[in-house]
Every structure is written in C-alpha cells, then in structure tokens.
Amino acid sequence: MEYRIIKRFLILFIIVTVNIFYAYSQEENLLSVGSEVESFKLVELISKDTIILDSILRNKNTGILIFWTDFCPNCKKAIIGCNKLVSPVDSLGGFIFTINYDRTDIYSIKSFIEDEELKLPVLIDLNGSVASKFKATEYNFSVFIVNKLKKILWNYSEHPEDAWKIILDNFKKLSKIEEEKKIEKKD
C-alpha cells in the first residue's frame, strides 16, 4: 500500500518537474522589445577601455549590441559583415558594440579581429553574465537595438552573412523615431 503511494507521488513529482522545466525553457528567448536592460561594465579587447552602458547612453540616443561566439563559423562571417555598420551607425549618432561571450581563448579572438581588420569594438564577457541578462546565450548571434532609456527597440537572432543590412535598415528606422521623440520633448 505504501509502495503505491510513493510510486504515485514520484510519478506526479516527475510530471510536475518536467512541466516546470518545459515552461521555463520556453521563457528563455531573447529579452523582448520594450524590456529594460541593465547597465553593464565590460572591457574592450583591443583598446582595453572600460565600457559602461550608462555612460555611453548619456551621449547617444540609440545603439546596437551584438552578442556572438567565435566558435560559430556563420557568426564570424556575420561579424565580418557587421564591420560595415561602423561608419553609418556613427554618422547617425549611434554606437555599436559587439560582445563576445563564449569564454574561449582571448588570443584567438584578438587574432580574428586583427586578421579581418575589424573596426567593431569587441567587448569581452568572460563569464557570460551580460549575455545571460540579455538571454542571448541560447543563440550564437544575437542583436539588440537599445535607446537612451535602456529599452530594447528591436532584437534579432539570425546570422546570415548580410545580417548587417537587416540591422542597418532597422537601426535607421528606429534611430529616426528616437530622434523625432527627442525633438517632440523639446517642443
């Protein structure tokens, strides 16, 4: 009799645990549009500058954060393409940072940056804590456009070689909207 009760309890426990795990795994998508992001402090790999998101947003209305891993060949191709974003994003008064979080050999990442002559600033998230806050660790390549209020305006988790075109189109639209909001507030 006692054996049946224990067996039923164990079966029920397993069912509940599986359902909780499934529900939790469904929530592990990228931070959604409208979510507020926490500030972070990371070091840029080449310049060794410390980058603090709050400090950057004091001077810029909109920016792009790209989380990536260097063990993913398609991510590397996408990052190489995203190098084309530096000039147009800067001319629109925005900022762009790539954040590598795969905890590999930093020297191999630095070598990749130098070999490809990347102008993109690469921040290193050694323990993956910033990527985890953005829920970006489920993907090898995740993009967020954020505004001055640290709100996510757009996110993306694909990495075709021409991802930079998709990112730039959305950045242009969203930075124009953010600039119009800024002008409206002044009036």
Protein backbone atom coordinates (compact mmCIF):
# COMPACT_ATOMS: atom_id res chain seq x y z
CA MET A 1 0.00 0.00 0.00
CA GLU A 2 2.75 2.42 0.99
CA TYR A 3 4.67 1.48 -2.14
CA ARG A 4 1.72 2.60 -4.36
CA ILE A 5 1.52 5.98 -2.62
CA ILE A 6 5.24 6.55 -3.02
CA LYS A 7 5.10 5.44 -6.66
CA ARG A 8 2.17 7.82 -7.41
CA PHE A 9 3.93 10.64 -5.62
CA LEU A 10 7.11 10.07 -7.64
CA ILE A 11 5.20 9.97 -10.91
CA LEU A 12 3.36 13.17 -10.01
CA PHE A 13 6.62 14.80 -8.96
CA ILE A 14 8.27 13.87 -12.26
CA ILE A 15 5.33 15.21 -14.30
CA VAL A 16 5.31 18.50 -12.40
CA THR A 17 9.09 18.86 -12.69
CA VAL A 18 9.04 18.20 -16.44
CA ASN A 19 6.23 20.74 -16.92
CA ILE A 20 8.08 23.38 -14.91
CA PHE A 21 11.28 22.75 -16.86
CA TYR A 22 9.40 22.99 -20.17
CA ALA A 23 7.69 26.24 -19.15
CA TYR A 24 11.00 27.72 -18.02
CA SER A 25 12.76 26.75 -21.24
CA GLN A 26 10.04 28.48 -23.28
CA GLU A 27 10.78 31.75 -21.46
CA GLU A 28 14.47 31.67 -22.35
CA ASN A 29 14.01 33.72 -25.51
CA LEU A 30 15.85 36.96 -26.09
CA LEU A 31 14.79 39.88 -23.95
CA SER A 32 11.72 41.22 -25.69
CA VAL A 33 11.12 44.57 -27.31
CA GLY A 34 10.20 47.08 -24.62
CA SER A 35 12.21 45.32 -21.92
CA GLU A 36 14.58 47.48 -19.94
CA VAL A 37 18.19 46.32 -19.93
CA GLU A 38 20.59 46.57 -17.04
CA SER A 39 23.72 48.60 -17.45
CA PHE A 40 26.95 46.67 -17.73
CA LYS A 41 30.66 47.26 -17.48
CA LEU A 42 32.97 45.34 -19.84
CA VAL A 43 36.47 45.78 -21.24
CA GLU A 44 37.13 46.32 -24.94
CA LEU A 45 39.60 43.69 -26.13
CA ILE A 46 41.96 45.81 -28.25
CA SER A 47 41.95 49.24 -26.56
CA LYS A 48 41.46 47.83 -23.03
CA ASP A 49 38.95 50.68 -22.42
CA THR A 50 36.27 50.01 -19.84
CA ILE A 51 32.83 50.46 -21.39
CA ILE A 52 29.84 51.26 -19.19
CA LEU A 53 26.48 51.22 -20.98
CA ASP A 54 25.03 54.05 -18.86
CA SER A 55 27.97 56.30 -19.74
CA ILE A 56 27.61 55.63 -23.46
CA LEU A 57 23.86 56.32 -23.39
CA ARG A 58 24.40 59.75 -21.85
CA ASN A 59 25.78 60.90 -25.20
CA LYS A 60 23.94 58.68 -27.68
CA ASN A 61 20.25 58.14 -28.37
CA THR A 62 20.40 54.69 -29.90
CA GLY A 63 22.86 51.86 -30.17
CA ILE A 64 23.46 48.33 -31.34
CA LEU A 65 24.68 45.48 -29.15
CA ILE A 66 25.73 42.28 -30.93
CA PHE A 67 26.38 39.17 -28.85
CA TRP A 68 28.39 36.47 -30.61
CA THR A 69 30.58 33.44 -30.20
CA ASP A 70 33.72 32.84 -32.19
CA PHE A 71 33.35 29.05 -32.36
CA CYS A 72 30.44 29.55 -34.78
CA PRO A 73 31.71 29.97 -38.38
CA ASN A 74 28.49 31.66 -39.53
CA CYS A 75 28.72 34.10 -36.61
CA LYS A 76 32.23 35.05 -37.67
CA LYS A 77 31.01 35.69 -41.22
CA ALA A 78 28.15 37.81 -39.86
CA ILE A 79 30.54 39.79 -37.63
CA ILE A 80 32.81 40.44 -40.62
CA GLY A 81 29.77 41.80 -42.47
CA CYS A 82 28.74 43.88 -39.46
CA ASN A 83 32.04 45.73 -39.79
CA LYS A 84 30.17 47.69 -42.49
CA LEU A 85 27.90 49.11 -39.77
CA VAL A 86 30.57 51.17 -38.02
CA SER A 87 30.55 54.23 -40.30
CA PRO A 88 26.78 54.53 -40.95
CA VAL A 89 25.88 53.96 -37.28
CA ASP A 90 28.43 56.57 -36.23
CA SER A 91 27.14 59.07 -38.81
CA LEU A 92 23.62 58.58 -37.42
CA GLY A 93 24.90 59.46 -33.94
CA GLY A 94 24.63 55.93 -32.60
CA PHE A 95 27.00 53.40 -31.15
CA ILE A 96 27.78 49.78 -31.82
CA PHE A 97 29.46 47.18 -29.63
CA THR A 98 29.97 43.50 -30.20
CA ILE A 99 30.11 41.32 -27.12
CA ASN A 100 31.91 38.01 -27.29
CA TYR A 101 30.79 35.65 -24.53
CA ASP A 102 31.98 32.18 -25.45
CA ARG A 103 34.82 32.01 -22.91
CA THR A 104 37.40 30.81 -25.42
CA ASP A 105 40.99 31.81 -25.80
CA ILE A 106 41.05 35.62 -25.92
CA TYR A 107 44.14 35.50 -28.12
CA SER A 108 42.23 33.64 -30.84
CA ILE A 109 39.51 36.32 -30.75
CA LYS A 110 42.12 39.08 -30.91
CA SER A 111 43.82 37.30 -33.81
CA PHE A 112 40.48 37.05 -35.65
CA ILE A 113 39.86 40.80 -35.15
CA GLU A 114 43.32 41.69 -36.44
CA ASP A 115 43.25 39.23 -39.37
CA GLU A 116 39.88 40.58 -40.54
CA GLU A 117 40.82 44.20 -39.78
CA LEU A 118 37.62 44.69 -37.83
CA LYS A 119 36.79 48.22 -36.71
CA LEU A 120 33.99 46.97 -34.49
CA PRO A 121 34.70 47.34 -30.79
CA VAL A 122 34.71 43.86 -29.22
CA LEU A 123 33.82 43.69 -25.54
CA ILE A 124 34.70 40.55 -23.64
CA ASP A 125 32.10 38.96 -21.36
CA LEU A 126 34.32 36.28 -19.87
CA ASN A 127 31.78 34.72 -17.54
CA GLY A 128 28.80 35.27 -19.85
CA SER A 129 26.91 37.28 -17.22
CA VAL A 130 25.92 40.13 -19.54
CA ALA A 131 24.86 37.71 -22.30
CA SER A 132 22.77 35.84 -19.72
CA LYS A 133 20.98 39.03 -18.68
CA PHE A 134 20.04 39.60 -22.31
CA LYS A 135 19.11 35.91 -22.61
CA ALA A 136 21.48 35.82 -25.56
CA THR A 137 23.28 32.62 -24.57
CA GLU A 138 20.67 30.44 -26.27
CA TYR A 139 21.91 31.71 -29.62
CA ASN A 140 25.36 32.15 -31.13
CA PHE A 141 24.50 35.55 -32.60
CA SER A 142 22.00 37.99 -31.06
CA VAL A 143 21.42 41.64 -31.86
CA PHE A 144 19.69 44.31 -29.79
CA ILE A 145 18.95 47.91 -30.65
CA VAL A 146 18.55 49.93 -27.44
CA ASN A 147 17.59 53.52 -26.76
CA LYS A 148 18.74 56.15 -24.28
CA LEU A 149 16.23 54.85 -21.70
CA LYS A 150 17.84 51.38 -21.94
CA LYS A 151 14.73 49.96 -23.61
CA ILE A 152 15.05 47.31 -26.28
CA LEU A 153 13.63 48.64 -29.54
CA TRP A 154 14.43 45.59 -31.68
CA ASN A 155 16.07 42.18 -31.38
CA TYR A 156 17.30 39.62 -33.87
CA SER A 157 18.94 36.21 -33.62
CA GLU A 158 19.79 35.14 -37.15
CA HIS A 159 23.25 35.28 -38.64
CA PRO A 160 23.23 35.34 -42.42
CA GLU A 161 26.29 36.96 -43.98
CA ASP A 162 24.17 40.00 -44.88
CA ALA A 163 22.77 40.41 -41.36
CA TRP A 164 24.41 43.84 -41.32
CA LYS A 165 21.91 45.08 -43.97
CA ILE A 166 18.93 43.97 -41.88
CA ILE A 167 20.45 45.50 -38.75
CA LEU A 168 21.25 48.79 -40.51
CA ASP A 169 17.76 49.11 -42.02
CA ASN A 170 16.17 48.65 -38.60
CA PHE A 171 18.71 50.94 -36.92
CA LYS A 172 17.98 53.74 -39.41
CA LYS A 173 14.23 53.47 -38.87
CA LEU A 174 14.45 53.26 -35.08
CA SER A 175 17.06 55.99 -34.63
CA LYS A 176 14.90 58.31 -36.74
CA ILE A 177 11.91 57.57 -34.49
CA GLU A 178 14.03 58.14 -31.36
CA GLU A 179 15.32 61.44 -32.78
CA GLU A 180 11.74 62.56 -33.52
CA LYS A 181 10.76 61.74 -29.92
CA LYS A 182 13.69 63.81 -28.68
CA ILE A 183 12.58 66.78 -30.81
CA GLU A 184 8.96 66.44 -29.59
CA LYS A 185 10.13 66.57 -25.98
CA LYS A 186 12.00 69.82 -26.66
CA ASP A 187 8.86 71.42 -28.12
